[in-house]
């Protein structure tokens, strides 16, 4: 770029859309040439876990059940005749940072929680068997699972009174993603803070203290498949994911 600008990608390059392989070539080439940075998304973490054998327990660090295969099948199809390339990309995924902090802003895939970020700064030593084991284990008591889960997949909250909803892939869920980026002044009812909140309870007034990003340094992130015309809800926490892989638009913030 004539003014030495760089792109910063917010992760999730795979598993959706018609040109996964082409996207990976573009992003990796830009990063390796010094024209871009990129952070790991939950789909890259899932792919590493899906393809890495668990030497102690057998199998892999991510289950190969129908649900996991269905989520990953589009990537596997597009790399059907490019096995060596896919292996190279998996190795590249392992080099991606879980977050980035620059002088003027921060970047993370799903959620910036200072406590999790500090934990990862102190404890994360790269992708290895111990990290994959703890990062995929819901019973983990070390803090790794929760730090990875919420940094790469965001924070969720159980719905009250046994309510459920079905996500974009048709999976039944009883927990909603939290719009942690919305400032407290714009939070009044459950629909303001819970994504995909069932209509029956959407207008209930908020009773709980849901996590909110309070740091003055802006953070940019993806992950949430927002719809409609892109807009900034909070200038200190900006989502760039507007469902480009499913008919939405590709969004950048300069």
C-alpha atoms as a PDB file:
ATOM      1  CA  UNK A   1       0.000   0.000   0.000  1.00  0.00           C
ATOM      2  CA  UNK A   2       1.398   3.446  -0.904  1.00  0.00           C
ATOM      3  CA  UNK A   3       0.774   4.661   2.664  1.00  0.00           C
ATOM      4  CA  UNK A   4       1.930   1.377   4.235  1.00  0.00           C
ATOM      5  CA  UNK A   5      -1.528   0.487   5.520  1.00  0.00           C
ATOM      6  CA  UNK A   6      -2.100  -3.101   6.582  1.00  0.00           C
ATOM      7  CA  UNK A   7      -5.193  -5.263   6.719  1.00  0.00           C
ATOM      8  CA  UNK A   8      -6.136  -7.009   9.963  1.00  0.00           C
ATOM      9  CA  UNK A   9      -8.343 -10.086   9.490  1.00  0.00           C
ATOM     10  CA  UNK A  10     -10.597 -11.185  12.358  1.00  0.00           C
ATOM     11  CA  UNK A  11     -10.622 -14.961  11.738  1.00  0.00           C
ATOM     12  CA  UNK A  12     -13.069 -17.660  10.584  1.00  0.00           C
ATOM     13  CA  UNK A  13     -11.747 -18.148   7.073  1.00  0.00           C
ATOM     14  CA  UNK A  14     -13.178 -21.652   6.625  1.00  0.00           C
ATOM     15  CA  UNK A  15     -16.339 -23.791   6.739  1.00  0.00           C
ATOM     16  CA  UNK A  16     -18.632 -21.258   5.044  1.00  0.00           C
ATOM     17  CA  UNK A  17     -18.921 -19.841   1.561  1.00  0.00           C
ATOM     18  CA  UNK A  18     -17.994 -20.982  -1.961  1.00  0.00           C
ATOM     19  CA  UNK A  19     -14.306 -19.956  -2.037  1.00  0.00           C
ATOM     20  CA  UNK A  20     -12.687 -21.162   1.174  1.00  0.00           C
ATOM     21  CA  UNK A  21      -9.481 -22.323  -0.498  1.00  0.00           C
ATOM     22  CA  UNK A  22      -9.085 -19.077  -2.424  1.00  0.00           C
ATOM     23  CA  UNK A  23      -9.753 -17.064   0.725  1.00  0.00           C
ATOM     24  CA  UNK A  24      -7.054 -18.921   2.642  1.00  0.00           C
ATOM     25  CA  UNK A  25      -4.496 -18.362  -0.118  1.00  0.00           C
ATOM     26  CA  UNK A  26      -5.285 -14.646  -0.195  1.00  0.00           C
ATOM     27  CA  UNK A  27      -5.192 -14.153   3.571  1.00  0.00           C
ATOM     28  CA  UNK A  28      -2.092 -16.257   4.234  1.00  0.00           C
ATOM     29  CA  UNK A  29      -0.158 -14.661   1.352  1.00  0.00           C
ATOM     30  CA  UNK A  30      -1.001 -11.181   2.635  1.00  0.00           C
ATOM     31  CA  UNK A  31       0.099 -12.102   6.163  1.00  0.00           C
ATOM     32  CA  UNK A  32       3.330 -13.773   5.061  1.00  0.00           C
ATOM     33  CA  UNK A  33       4.202 -10.847   2.784  1.00  0.00           C
ATOM     34  CA  UNK A  34       3.799  -8.365   5.637  1.00  0.00           C
ATOM     35  CA  UNK A  35       0.690  -6.729   4.210  1.00  0.00           C
ATOM     36  CA  UNK A  36      -1.724  -8.083   6.815  1.00  0.00           C
ATOM     37  CA  UNK A  37      -2.237  -9.512  10.297  1.00  0.00           C
ATOM     38  CA  UNK A  38      -4.782 -12.143  11.276  1.00  0.00           C
ATOM     39  CA  UNK A  39      -6.179 -13.645  14.466  1.00  0.00           C
ATOM     40  CA  UNK A  40      -7.490 -17.162  14.992  1.00  0.00           C
ATOM     41  CA  UNK A  41     -11.223 -17.777  14.794  1.00  0.00           C
ATOM     42  CA  UNK A  42     -13.103 -20.589  16.464  1.00  0.00           C
ATOM     43  CA  UNK A  43     -13.369 -22.411  13.131  1.00  0.00           C
ATOM     44  CA  UNK A  44      -9.584 -22.473  12.758  1.00  0.00           C
ATOM     45  CA  UNK A  45      -9.240 -23.705  16.344  1.00  0.00           C
ATOM     46  CA  UNK A  46     -11.918 -26.332  15.690  1.00  0.00           C
ATOM     47  CA  UNK A  47     -10.119 -27.488  12.530  1.00  0.00           C
ATOM     48  CA  UNK A  48      -6.829 -27.904  14.371  1.00  0.00           C
ATOM     49  CA  UNK A  49      -8.605 -29.895  17.073  1.00  0.00           C
ATOM     50  CA  UNK A  50     -10.566 -31.959  14.516  1.00  0.00           C
ATOM     51  CA  UNK A  51      -7.434 -33.032  12.643  1.00  0.00           C
ATOM     52  CA  UNK A  52      -5.003 -33.531  15.558  1.00  0.00           C
ATOM     53  CA  UNK A  53      -4.911 -37.088  16.982  1.00  0.00           C
ATOM     54  CA  UNK A  54      -5.292 -37.418  20.752  1.00  0.00           C
ATOM     55  CA  UNK A  55      -2.361 -39.687  21.534  1.00  0.00           C
ATOM     56  CA  UNK A  56      -3.473 -40.459  25.103  1.00  0.00           C
ATOM     57  CA  UNK A  57      -7.209 -41.088  24.704  1.00  0.00           C
ATOM     58  CA  UNK A  58      -7.318 -42.035  21.042  1.00  0.00           C
ATOM     59  CA  UNK A  59      -9.433 -40.328  18.424  1.00  0.00           C
ATOM     60  CA  UNK A  60      -9.007 -36.598  17.970  1.00  0.00           C
ATOM     61  CA  UNK A  61      -9.193 -33.509  20.170  1.00  0.00           C
ATOM     62  CA  UNK A  62     -12.527 -32.589  18.509  1.00  0.00           C
ATOM     63  CA  UNK A  63     -15.248 -35.199  18.053  1.00  0.00           C
ATOM     64  CA  UNK A  64     -15.975 -36.626  14.608  1.00  0.00           C
ATOM     65  CA  UNK A  65     -19.695 -36.913  15.189  1.00  0.00           C
ATOM     66  CA  UNK A  66     -22.255 -35.864  12.568  1.00  0.00           C
ATOM     67  CA  UNK A  67     -22.557 -32.375  14.059  1.00  0.00           C
ATOM     68  CA  UNK A  68     -18.832 -31.634  13.860  1.00  0.00           C
ATOM     69  CA  UNK A  69     -18.452 -33.179  10.409  1.00  0.00           C
ATOM     70  CA  UNK A  70     -21.414 -31.194   9.083  1.00  0.00           C
ATOM     71  CA  UNK A  71     -19.876 -27.950  10.357  1.00  0.00           C
ATOM     72  CA  UNK A  72     -16.576 -28.748   8.632  1.00  0.00           C
ATOM     73  CA  UNK A  73     -17.699 -30.595   5.490  1.00  0.00           C
ATOM     74  CA  UNK A  74     -17.625 -27.618   3.115  1.00  0.00           C
ATOM     75  CA  UNK A  75     -13.931 -27.053   3.824  1.00  0.00           C
ATOM     76  CA  UNK A  76     -13.120 -30.732   3.353  1.00  0.00           C
ATOM     77  CA  UNK A  77     -15.009 -30.774   0.049  1.00  0.00           C
ATOM     78  CA  UNK A  78     -13.151 -27.764  -1.320  1.00  0.00           C
ATOM     79  CA  UNK A  79      -9.789 -29.312  -0.402  1.00  0.00           C
ATOM     80  CA  UNK A  80     -10.727 -32.759  -1.746  1.00  0.00           C
ATOM     81  CA  UNK A  81      -7.865 -32.756  -4.277  1.00  0.00           C
ATOM     82  CA  UNK A  82      -5.460 -30.544  -2.314  1.00  0.00           C
ATOM     83  CA  UNK A  83      -4.420 -32.653   0.679  1.00  0.00           C
ATOM     84  CA  UNK A  84      -0.908 -31.234   0.974  1.00  0.00           C
ATOM     85  CA  UNK A  85      -2.229 -27.672   0.758  1.00  0.00           C
ATOM     86  CA  UNK A  86      -4.724 -28.347   3.528  1.00  0.00           C
ATOM     87  CA  UNK A  87      -1.956 -29.730   5.734  1.00  0.00           C
ATOM     88  CA  UNK A  88       0.036 -26.543   5.148  1.00  0.00           C
ATOM     89  CA  UNK A  89      -2.933 -24.389   6.071  1.00  0.00           C
ATOM     90  CA  UNK A  90      -3.528 -26.375   9.263  1.00  0.00           C
ATOM     91  CA  UNK A  91       0.093 -25.716  10.219  1.00  0.00           C
ATOM     92  CA  UNK A  92      -0.413 -22.029   9.459  1.00  0.00           C
ATOM     93  CA  UNK A  93      -3.538 -21.895  11.643  1.00  0.00           C
ATOM     94  CA  UNK A  94      -1.349 -22.965  14.564  1.00  0.00           C
ATOM     95  CA  UNK A  95       0.747 -19.804  14.157  1.00  0.00           C
ATOM     96  CA  UNK A  96      -2.234 -17.426  14.395  1.00  0.00           C
ATOM     97  CA  UNK A  97      -2.449 -15.378  17.607  1.00  0.00           C
ATOM     98  CA  UNK A  98      -5.583 -15.578  19.752  1.00  0.00           C
ATOM     99  CA  UNK A  99      -5.721 -11.762  19.907  1.00  0.00           C
ATOM    100  CA  UNK A 100      -3.747  -8.703  18.846  1.00  0.00           C
ATOM    101  CA  UNK A 101      -3.119  -5.433  20.614  1.00  0.00           C
ATOM    102  CA  UNK A 102      -1.799  -2.403  18.758  1.00  0.00           C
ATOM    103  CA  UNK A 103      -1.083   1.083  20.048  1.00  0.00           C
ATOM    104  CA  UNK A 104      -4.511   2.422  19.122  1.00  0.00           C
ATOM    105  CA  UNK A 105      -6.798  -0.604  19.004  1.00  0.00           C
ATOM    106  CA  UNK A 106      -7.316  -4.295  19.756  1.00  0.00           C
ATOM    107  CA  UNK A 107      -8.454  -7.254  17.653  1.00  0.00           C
ATOM    108  CA  UNK A 108     -10.042 -10.516  18.745  1.00  0.00           C
ATOM    109  CA  UNK A 109     -12.302 -13.005  17.031  1.00  0.00           C
ATOM    110  CA  UNK A 110     -15.292 -13.131  19.386  1.00  0.00           C
ATOM    111  CA  UNK A 111     -14.867 -11.408  22.761  1.00  0.00           C
ATOM    112  CA  UNK A 112     -12.272  -9.318  24.562  1.00  0.00           C
ATOM    113  CA  UNK A 113     -12.395  -9.943  28.306  1.00  0.00           C
ATOM    114  CA  UNK A 114      -9.380  -8.451  30.070  1.00  0.00           C
ATOM    115  CA  UNK A 115      -9.255 -11.325  32.562  1.00  0.00           C
ATOM    116  CA  UNK A 116      -9.119 -13.947  29.810  1.00  0.00           C
ATOM    117  CA  UNK A 117      -6.600 -11.973  27.776  1.00  0.00           C
ATOM    118  CA  UNK A 118      -4.293 -11.593  30.771  1.00  0.00           C
ATOM    119  CA  UNK A 119      -4.606 -15.312  31.502  1.00  0.00           C
ATOM    120  CA  UNK A 120      -3.677 -16.197  27.909  1.00  0.00           C
ATOM    121  CA  UNK A 121      -0.782 -13.734  27.930  1.00  0.00           C
ATOM    122  CA  UNK A 122       0.628 -15.512  30.971  1.00  0.00           C
ATOM    123  CA  UNK A 123      -0.262 -19.136  30.200  1.00  0.00           C
ATOM    124  CA  UNK A 124      -0.596 -19.655  26.438  1.00  0.00           C
ATOM    125  CA  UNK A 125       2.609 -21.074  24.942  1.00  0.00           C
ATOM    126  CA  UNK A 126       1.301 -22.059  21.522  1.00  0.00           C
ATOM    127  CA  UNK A 127      -0.649 -24.979  20.092  1.00  0.00           C
ATOM    128  CA  UNK A 128       0.396 -28.220  21.758  1.00  0.00           C
ATOM    129  CA  UNK A 129      -1.319 -31.343  23.079  1.00  0.00           C
ATOM    130  CA  UNK A 130      -1.775 -29.921  26.575  1.00  0.00           C
ATOM    131  CA  UNK A 131      -3.396 -26.747  25.247  1.00  0.00           C
ATOM    132  CA  UNK A 132      -5.716 -28.652  22.889  1.00  0.00           C
ATOM    133  CA  UNK A 133      -6.694 -31.022  25.668  1.00  0.00           C
ATOM    134  CA  UNK A 134      -7.584 -28.250  28.126  1.00  0.00           C
ATOM    135  CA  UNK A 135      -9.037 -25.945  25.479  1.00  0.00           C
ATOM    136  CA  UNK A 136     -11.568 -28.592  24.418  1.00  0.00           C
ATOM    137  CA  UNK A 137     -12.414 -29.938  27.881  1.00  0.00           C
ATOM    138  CA  UNK A 138     -15.549 -28.422  29.437  1.00  0.00           C
ATOM    139  CA  UNK A 139     -14.524 -29.889  32.806  1.00  0.00           C
ATOM    140  CA  UNK A 140     -11.144 -28.137  32.760  1.00  0.00           C
ATOM    141  CA  UNK A 141     -10.453 -26.319  36.031  1.00  0.00           C
ATOM    142  CA  UNK A 142      -7.249 -24.535  35.030  1.00  0.00           C
ATOM    143  CA  UNK A 143      -8.998 -21.652  33.252  1.00  0.00           C
ATOM    144  CA  UNK A 144      -7.807 -22.585  29.763  1.00  0.00           C
ATOM    145  CA  UNK A 145     -11.149 -23.875  28.506  1.00  0.00           C
ATOM    146  CA  UNK A 146     -13.120 -20.811  29.545  1.00  0.00           C
ATOM    147  CA  UNK A 147     -10.456 -18.396  28.287  1.00  0.00           C
ATOM    148  CA  UNK A 148     -10.340 -20.082  24.864  1.00  0.00           C
ATOM    149  CA  UNK A 149     -14.098 -20.651  24.699  1.00  0.00           C
ATOM    150  CA  UNK A 150     -15.086 -17.053  25.361  1.00  0.00           C
ATOM    151  CA  UNK A 151     -12.213 -15.438  23.453  1.00  0.00           C
ATOM    152  CA  UNK A 152     -12.926 -17.458  20.299  1.00  0.00           C
ATOM    153  CA  UNK A 153     -16.662 -18.167  20.670  1.00  0.00           C
ATOM    154  CA  UNK A 154     -17.977 -15.362  22.860  1.00  0.00           C
ATOM    155  CA  UNK A 155     -19.957 -15.240  26.073  1.00  0.00           C
ATOM    156  CA  UNK A 156     -23.329 -16.930  26.427  1.00  0.00           C
ATOM    157  CA  UNK A 157     -26.107 -16.829  28.995  1.00  0.00           C
ATOM    158  CA  UNK A 158     -28.760 -19.464  29.795  1.00  0.00           C
ATOM    159  CA  UNK A 159     -32.302 -18.555  28.834  1.00  0.00           C
ATOM    160  CA  UNK A 160     -34.787 -18.341  31.707  1.00  0.00           C
ATOM    161  CA  UNK A 161     -37.584 -20.836  32.337  1.00  0.00           C
ATOM    162  CA  UNK A 162     -36.338 -23.515  29.969  1.00  0.00           C
ATOM    163  CA  UNK A 163     -36.777 -21.468  26.786  1.00  0.00           C
ATOM    164  CA  UNK A 164     -34.941 -22.678  23.678  1.00  0.00           C
ATOM    165  CA  UNK A 165     -34.255 -21.513  20.124  1.00  0.00           C
ATOM    166  CA  UNK A 166     -32.727 -22.978  16.972  1.00  0.00           C
ATOM    167  CA  UNK A 167     -29.532 -21.477  15.580  1.00  0.00           C
ATOM    168  CA  UNK A 168     -28.701 -20.811  11.920  1.00  0.00           C
ATOM    169  CA  UNK A 169     -27.613 -24.431  11.475  1.00  0.00           C
ATOM    170  CA  UNK A 170     -30.789 -25.842  12.999  1.00  0.00           C
ATOM    171  CA  UNK A 171     -29.224 -26.843  16.313  1.00  0.00           C
ATOM    172  CA  UNK A 172     -31.379 -26.531  19.437  1.00  0.00           C
ATOM    173  CA  UNK A 173     -29.886 -24.145  21.981  1.00  0.00           C
ATOM    174  CA  UNK A 174     -30.829 -23.024  25.469  1.00  0.00           C
ATOM    175  CA  UNK A 175     -28.142 -20.337  25.781  1.00  0.00           C
ATOM    176  CA  UNK A 176     -27.927 -17.059  23.867  1.00  0.00           C
ATOM    177  CA  UNK A 177     -24.833 -15.194  22.803  1.00  0.00           C
ATOM    178  CA  UNK A 178     -24.357 -11.949  24.692  1.00  0.00           C
ATOM    179  CA  UNK A 179     -24.037  -8.649  22.847  1.00  0.00           C
ATOM    180  CA  UNK A 180     -21.137  -7.707  25.106  1.00  0.00           C
ATOM    181  CA  UNK A 181     -20.230  -4.788  22.869  1.00  0.00           C
ATOM    182  CA  UNK A 182     -23.444  -2.877  23.549  1.00  0.00           C
ATOM    183  CA  UNK A 183     -22.939  -0.083  26.077  1.00  0.00           C
ATOM    184  CA  UNK A 184     -25.005  -0.113  29.248  1.00  0.00           C
ATOM    185  CA  UNK A 185     -27.089   2.901  28.153  1.00  0.00           C
ATOM    186  CA  UNK A 186     -28.584   0.888  25.280  1.00  0.00           C
ATOM    187  CA  UNK A 187     -29.487  -2.144  27.430  1.00  0.00           C
ATOM    188  CA  UNK A 188     -33.024  -2.201  28.709  1.00  0.00           C
ATOM    189  CA  UNK A 189     -34.701  -5.418  27.565  1.00  0.00           C
ATOM    190  CA  UNK A 190     -33.439  -8.957  26.969  1.00  0.00           C
ATOM    191  CA  UNK A 191     -33.518  -8.496  23.188  1.00  0.00           C
ATOM    192  CA  UNK A 192     -31.010  -5.670  23.588  1.00  0.00           C
ATOM    193  CA  UNK A 193     -28.345  -7.958  25.027  1.00  0.00           C
ATOM    194  CA  UNK A 194     -29.233 -11.557  24.027  1.00  0.00           C
ATOM    195  CA  UNK A 195     -28.851 -12.610  20.400  1.00  0.00           C
ATOM    196  CA  UNK A 196     -31.651 -14.790  18.961  1.00  0.00           C
ATOM    197  CA  UNK A 197     -33.681 -14.178  22.099  1.00  0.00           C
ATOM    198  CA  UNK A 198     -37.093 -15.941  21.810  1.00  0.00           C
ATOM    199  CA  UNK A 199     -39.893 -13.496  21.043  1.00  0.00           C
ATOM    200  CA  UNK A 200     -41.889 -14.574  24.095  1.00  0.00           C
ATOM    201  CA  UNK A 201     -39.293 -13.078  26.452  1.00  0.00           C
ATOM    202  CA  UNK A 202     -37.577 -10.532  24.190  1.00  0.00           C
ATOM    203  CA  UNK A 203     -39.271  -7.527  25.816  1.00  0.00           C
ATOM    204  CA  UNK A 204     -38.615  -8.560  29.411  1.00  0.00           C
ATOM    205  CA  UNK A 205     -36.581  -6.027  31.332  1.00  0.00           C
ATOM    206  CA  UNK A 206     -33.000  -7.018  32.066  1.00  0.00           C
ATOM    207  CA  UNK A 207     -32.488  -8.349  35.583  1.00  0.00           C
ATOM    208  CA  UNK A 208     -28.900  -9.681  35.350  1.00  0.00           C
ATOM    209  CA  UNK A 209     -25.582  -7.892  34.971  1.00  0.00           C
ATOM    210  CA  UNK A 210     -24.346  -9.056  31.583  1.00  0.00           C
ATOM    211  CA  UNK A 211     -20.722  -8.532  30.652  1.00  0.00           C
ATOM    212  CA  UNK A 212     -19.952  -5.217  28.953  1.00  0.00           C
ATOM    213  CA  UNK A 213     -16.679  -4.012  27.398  1.00  0.00           C
ATOM    214  CA  UNK A 214     -15.577  -0.925  29.345  1.00  0.00           C
ATOM    215  CA  UNK A 215     -11.990  -0.307  28.185  1.00  0.00           C
ATOM    216  CA  UNK A 216     -11.402   3.009  26.362  1.00  0.00           C
ATOM    217  CA  UNK A 217      -9.226   1.336  23.711  1.00  0.00           C
ATOM    218  CA  UNK A 218     -11.402   0.259  20.734  1.00  0.00           C
ATOM    219  CA  UNK A 219     -11.667  -3.449  19.942  1.00  0.00           C
ATOM    220  CA  UNK A 220     -12.618  -4.933  16.561  1.00  0.00           C
ATOM    221  CA  UNK A 221     -14.034  -8.449  16.177  1.00  0.00           C
ATOM    222  CA  UNK A 222     -16.058 -10.780  13.955  1.00  0.00           C
ATOM    223  CA  UNK A 223     -17.930 -14.027  14.690  1.00  0.00           C
ATOM    224  CA  UNK A 224     -21.514 -12.846  15.171  1.00  0.00           C
ATOM    225  CA  UNK A 225     -23.151 -13.064  11.722  1.00  0.00           C
ATOM    226  CA  UNK A 226     -24.881  -9.711  12.016  1.00  0.00           C
ATOM    227  CA  UNK A 227     -27.461  -8.840   9.378  1.00  0.00           C
ATOM    228  CA  UNK A 228     -28.722  -5.748   7.638  1.00  0.00           C
ATOM    229  CA  UNK A 229     -26.842  -2.535   6.902  1.00  0.00           C
ATOM    230  CA  UNK A 230     -23.508  -2.376   8.739  1.00  0.00           C
ATOM    231  CA  UNK A 231     -23.444   0.201  11.497  1.00  0.00           C
ATOM    232  CA  UNK A 232     -21.426   0.961  14.602  1.00  0.00           C
ATOM    233  CA  UNK A 233     -23.398   0.277  17.785  1.00  0.00           C
ATOM    234  CA  UNK A 234     -20.514   1.271  20.048  1.00  0.00           C
ATOM    235  CA  UNK A 235     -17.408   3.093  18.758  1.00  0.00           C
ATOM    236  CA  UNK A 236     -15.301   1.282  21.372  1.00  0.00           C
ATOM    237  CA  UNK A 237     -16.385  -2.227  20.292  1.00  0.00           C
ATOM    238  CA  UNK A 238     -17.049  -2.773  16.595  1.00  0.00           C
ATOM    239  CA  UNK A 239     -18.266  -5.997  14.953  1.00  0.00           C
ATOM    240  CA  UNK A 240     -17.149  -6.544  11.344  1.00  0.00           C
ATOM    241  CA  UNK A 241     -19.027  -9.783  10.601  1.00  0.00           C
ATOM    242  CA  UNK A 242     -22.103  -9.170   8.453  1.00  0.00           C
ATOM    243  CA  UNK A 243     -22.609 -12.690   7.075  1.00  0.00           C
ATOM    244  CA  UNK A 244     -20.629 -12.302   3.850  1.00  0.00           C
ATOM    245  CA  UNK A 245     -20.462 -16.105   3.417  1.00  0.00           C
ATOM    246  CA  UNK A 246     -24.261 -16.341   3.417  1.00  0.00           C
ATOM    247  CA  UNK A 247     -25.433 -13.476   1.243  1.00  0.00           C
ATOM    248  CA  UNK A 248     -24.345 -10.615   3.478  1.00  0.00           C
ATOM    249  CA  UNK A 249     -21.636  -8.028   2.868  1.00  0.00           C
ATOM    250  CA  UNK A 250     -17.886  -7.893   3.395  1.00  0.00           C
ATOM    251  CA  UNK A 251     -17.148  -5.225   5.976  1.00  0.00           C
ATOM    252  CA  UNK A 252     -14.004  -3.341   6.923  1.00  0.00           C
ATOM    253  CA  UNK A 253     -13.372  -0.451   9.291  1.00  0.00           C
ATOM    254  CA  UNK A 254     -10.582   2.038   8.622  1.00  0.00           C
END
